[in-house]
């Protein structure tokens, strides 16, 4: 949709406290984010159970 073309995209890469968690680069590639040339996006490593990364993402 036209009004979403310039929307900022924030991805919460949750479960980062787990050993098998994907890295932010792996998440970006899996979602095809590098192909989004005209959109600002950012991935934040988070762990909801530990509460890490959430504040940083919300402040961004």
N, C-alpha and C. Protein backbone atom coordinates (compact mmCIF):
# COMPACT_ATOMS: atom_id res chain seq x y z
N UNK A 1 0.83 -1.18 0.00
CA UNK A 1 0.00 0.00 0.00
C UNK A 1 0.87 1.25 0.00
N UNK A 2 0.37 2.27 -0.63
CA UNK A 2 1.13 3.50 -0.81
C UNK A 2 1.60 4.11 0.50
N UNK A 3 0.74 4.16 1.51
CA UNK A 3 1.12 4.80 2.77
C UNK A 3 2.14 4.00 3.57
N UNK A 4 2.35 2.76 3.22
CA UNK A 4 3.33 1.93 3.93
C UNK A 4 4.70 1.89 3.24
N UNK A 5 4.82 2.50 2.08
CA UNK A 5 6.07 2.43 1.33
C UNK A 5 7.26 3.01 2.09
N UNK A 6 7.02 3.99 2.91
CA UNK A 6 8.12 4.63 3.64
C UNK A 6 8.13 4.27 5.12
N UNK A 7 7.36 3.26 5.49
CA UNK A 7 7.31 2.83 6.89
C UNK A 7 8.65 2.21 7.29
N UNK A 8 9.05 2.48 8.50
CA UNK A 8 10.27 1.89 9.06
C UNK A 8 9.93 0.48 9.54
N UNK A 9 10.83 -0.45 9.30
CA UNK A 9 10.61 -1.84 9.68
C UNK A 9 11.56 -2.21 10.82
N UNK A 10 10.99 -2.66 11.92
CA UNK A 10 11.77 -3.13 13.07
C UNK A 10 11.48 -4.61 13.25
N UNK A 11 12.53 -5.41 13.35
CA UNK A 11 12.39 -6.84 13.55
C UNK A 11 12.97 -7.19 14.91
N UNK A 12 12.18 -7.86 15.72
CA UNK A 12 12.65 -8.36 17.01
C UNK A 12 13.10 -9.80 16.81
N UNK A 13 14.42 -10.02 16.83
CA UNK A 13 14.97 -11.37 16.70
C UNK A 13 14.98 -11.97 18.09
N UNK A 14 13.86 -12.56 18.47
CA UNK A 14 13.67 -13.07 19.82
C UNK A 14 14.38 -14.41 20.02
N UNK A 15 14.39 -14.85 21.24
CA UNK A 15 15.00 -16.13 21.64
C UNK A 15 16.52 -16.09 21.54
N UNK A 16 17.13 -14.91 21.62
CA UNK A 16 18.57 -14.79 21.50
C UNK A 16 19.32 -15.38 22.69
N UNK A 17 18.59 -15.74 23.73
CA UNK A 17 19.20 -16.41 24.87
C UNK A 17 19.41 -17.90 24.60
N UNK A 18 18.90 -18.38 23.47
CA UNK A 18 19.03 -19.79 23.14
C UNK A 18 20.21 -20.00 22.20
N UNK A 19 20.93 -21.08 22.42
CA UNK A 19 22.15 -21.37 21.66
C UNK A 19 21.90 -21.48 20.16
N UNK A 20 20.77 -22.03 19.77
CA UNK A 20 20.49 -22.26 18.35
C UNK A 20 19.80 -21.08 17.67
N UNK A 21 19.73 -19.94 18.32
CA UNK A 21 19.07 -18.76 17.74
C UNK A 21 19.81 -18.29 16.49
N UNK A 22 19.04 -17.84 15.52
CA UNK A 22 19.63 -17.27 14.30
C UNK A 22 20.29 -15.94 14.64
N UNK A 23 21.36 -15.63 13.94
CA UNK A 23 22.01 -14.33 14.09
C UNK A 23 21.16 -13.28 13.38
N UNK A 24 21.35 -12.00 13.71
CA UNK A 24 20.61 -10.97 12.99
C UNK A 24 20.84 -11.02 11.47
N UNK A 25 22.04 -11.35 11.05
CA UNK A 25 22.31 -11.46 9.62
C UNK A 25 21.52 -12.60 9.00
N UNK A 26 21.45 -13.72 9.69
CA UNK A 26 20.66 -14.85 9.19
C UNK A 26 19.17 -14.49 9.10
N UNK A 27 18.68 -13.77 10.10
CA UNK A 27 17.27 -13.33 10.09
C UNK A 27 17.03 -12.39 8.91
N UNK A 28 17.93 -11.42 8.74
CA UNK A 28 17.78 -10.46 7.64
C UNK A 28 17.74 -11.17 6.29
N UNK A 29 18.64 -12.11 6.09
CA UNK A 29 18.69 -12.84 4.83
C UNK A 29 17.45 -13.71 4.64
N UNK A 30 16.99 -14.35 5.71
CA UNK A 30 15.81 -15.21 5.62
C UNK A 30 14.56 -14.39 5.26
N UNK A 31 14.51 -13.16 5.71
CA UNK A 31 13.37 -12.28 5.43
C UNK A 31 13.54 -11.47 4.14
N UNK A 32 14.71 -11.57 3.54
CA UNK A 32 14.97 -10.82 2.31
C UNK A 32 15.15 -9.33 2.53
N UNK A 33 15.54 -8.94 3.73
CA UNK A 33 15.66 -7.52 4.05
C UNK A 33 16.74 -6.78 3.25
N UNK A 34 17.87 -7.40 2.94
CA UNK A 34 18.87 -6.67 2.15
C UNK A 34 18.34 -6.17 0.80
N UNK A 35 17.29 -6.78 0.30
CA UNK A 35 16.71 -6.35 -0.98
C UNK A 35 15.85 -5.09 -0.83
N UNK A 36 15.53 -4.71 0.39
CA UNK A 36 14.71 -3.51 0.62
C UNK A 36 15.61 -2.29 0.60
N UNK A 37 15.87 -1.79 -0.57
CA UNK A 37 16.81 -0.67 -0.74
C UNK A 37 16.20 0.68 -0.39
N UNK A 38 14.89 0.82 -0.52
CA UNK A 38 14.24 2.11 -0.29
C UNK A 38 13.53 2.19 1.06
N UNK A 39 13.86 1.29 1.97
CA UNK A 39 13.20 1.28 3.26
C UNK A 39 14.24 1.12 4.38
N UNK A 40 14.06 1.88 5.43
CA UNK A 40 14.94 1.78 6.59
C UNK A 40 14.45 0.62 7.45
N UNK A 41 15.39 -0.27 7.80
CA UNK A 41 15.03 -1.40 8.65
C UNK A 41 16.16 -1.69 9.62
N UNK A 42 15.81 -2.35 10.72
CA UNK A 42 16.80 -2.69 11.74
C UNK A 42 16.34 -3.96 12.46
N UNK A 43 17.29 -4.80 12.79
CA UNK A 43 17.00 -6.02 13.55
C UNK A 43 17.61 -5.86 14.93
N UNK A 44 16.83 -6.22 15.94
CA UNK A 44 17.30 -6.16 17.32
C UNK A 44 17.29 -7.55 17.93
N UNK A 45 18.42 -7.92 18.51
CA UNK A 45 18.51 -9.18 19.24
C UNK A 45 17.76 -9.01 20.55
N UNK A 46 16.77 -9.87 20.79
CA UNK A 46 15.98 -9.76 22.01
C UNK A 46 15.80 -11.11 22.68
N UNK A 47 15.48 -11.03 23.96
CA UNK A 47 15.06 -12.18 24.73
C UNK A 47 13.93 -11.69 25.62
N UNK A 48 12.72 -12.05 25.28
CA UNK A 48 11.55 -11.58 26.03
C UNK A 48 11.57 -12.10 27.46
N UNK A 49 12.03 -13.33 27.66
CA UNK A 49 12.03 -13.89 29.01
C UNK A 49 13.05 -13.19 29.91
N UNK A 50 14.16 -12.74 29.33
CA UNK A 50 15.18 -12.03 30.10
C UNK A 50 15.00 -10.52 30.03
N UNK A 51 14.18 -10.07 29.08
CA UNK A 51 13.93 -8.64 28.93
C UNK A 51 15.07 -7.88 28.27
N UNK A 52 15.92 -8.57 27.55
CA UNK A 52 17.06 -7.89 26.92
C UNK A 52 16.73 -7.48 25.49
N UNK A 53 17.25 -6.32 25.12
CA UNK A 53 17.10 -5.82 23.77
C UNK A 53 15.80 -5.08 23.49
N UNK A 54 14.83 -5.21 24.36
CA UNK A 54 13.52 -4.60 24.11
C UNK A 54 13.57 -3.08 24.20
N UNK A 55 14.22 -2.56 25.24
CA UNK A 55 14.30 -1.10 25.40
C UNK A 55 15.06 -0.46 24.24
N UNK A 56 16.17 -1.08 23.85
CA UNK A 56 16.96 -0.55 22.74
C UNK A 56 16.12 -0.46 21.47
N UNK A 57 15.35 -1.50 21.20
CA UNK A 57 14.52 -1.51 20.00
C UNK A 57 13.43 -0.45 20.06
N UNK A 58 12.81 -0.29 21.19
CA UNK A 58 11.72 0.68 21.32
C UNK A 58 12.24 2.11 21.23
N UNK A 59 13.48 2.35 21.65
CA UNK A 59 14.07 3.68 21.58
C UNK A 59 14.51 4.03 20.16
N UNK A 60 14.79 3.02 19.37
CA UNK A 60 15.25 3.24 18.00
C UNK A 60 14.15 3.85 17.19
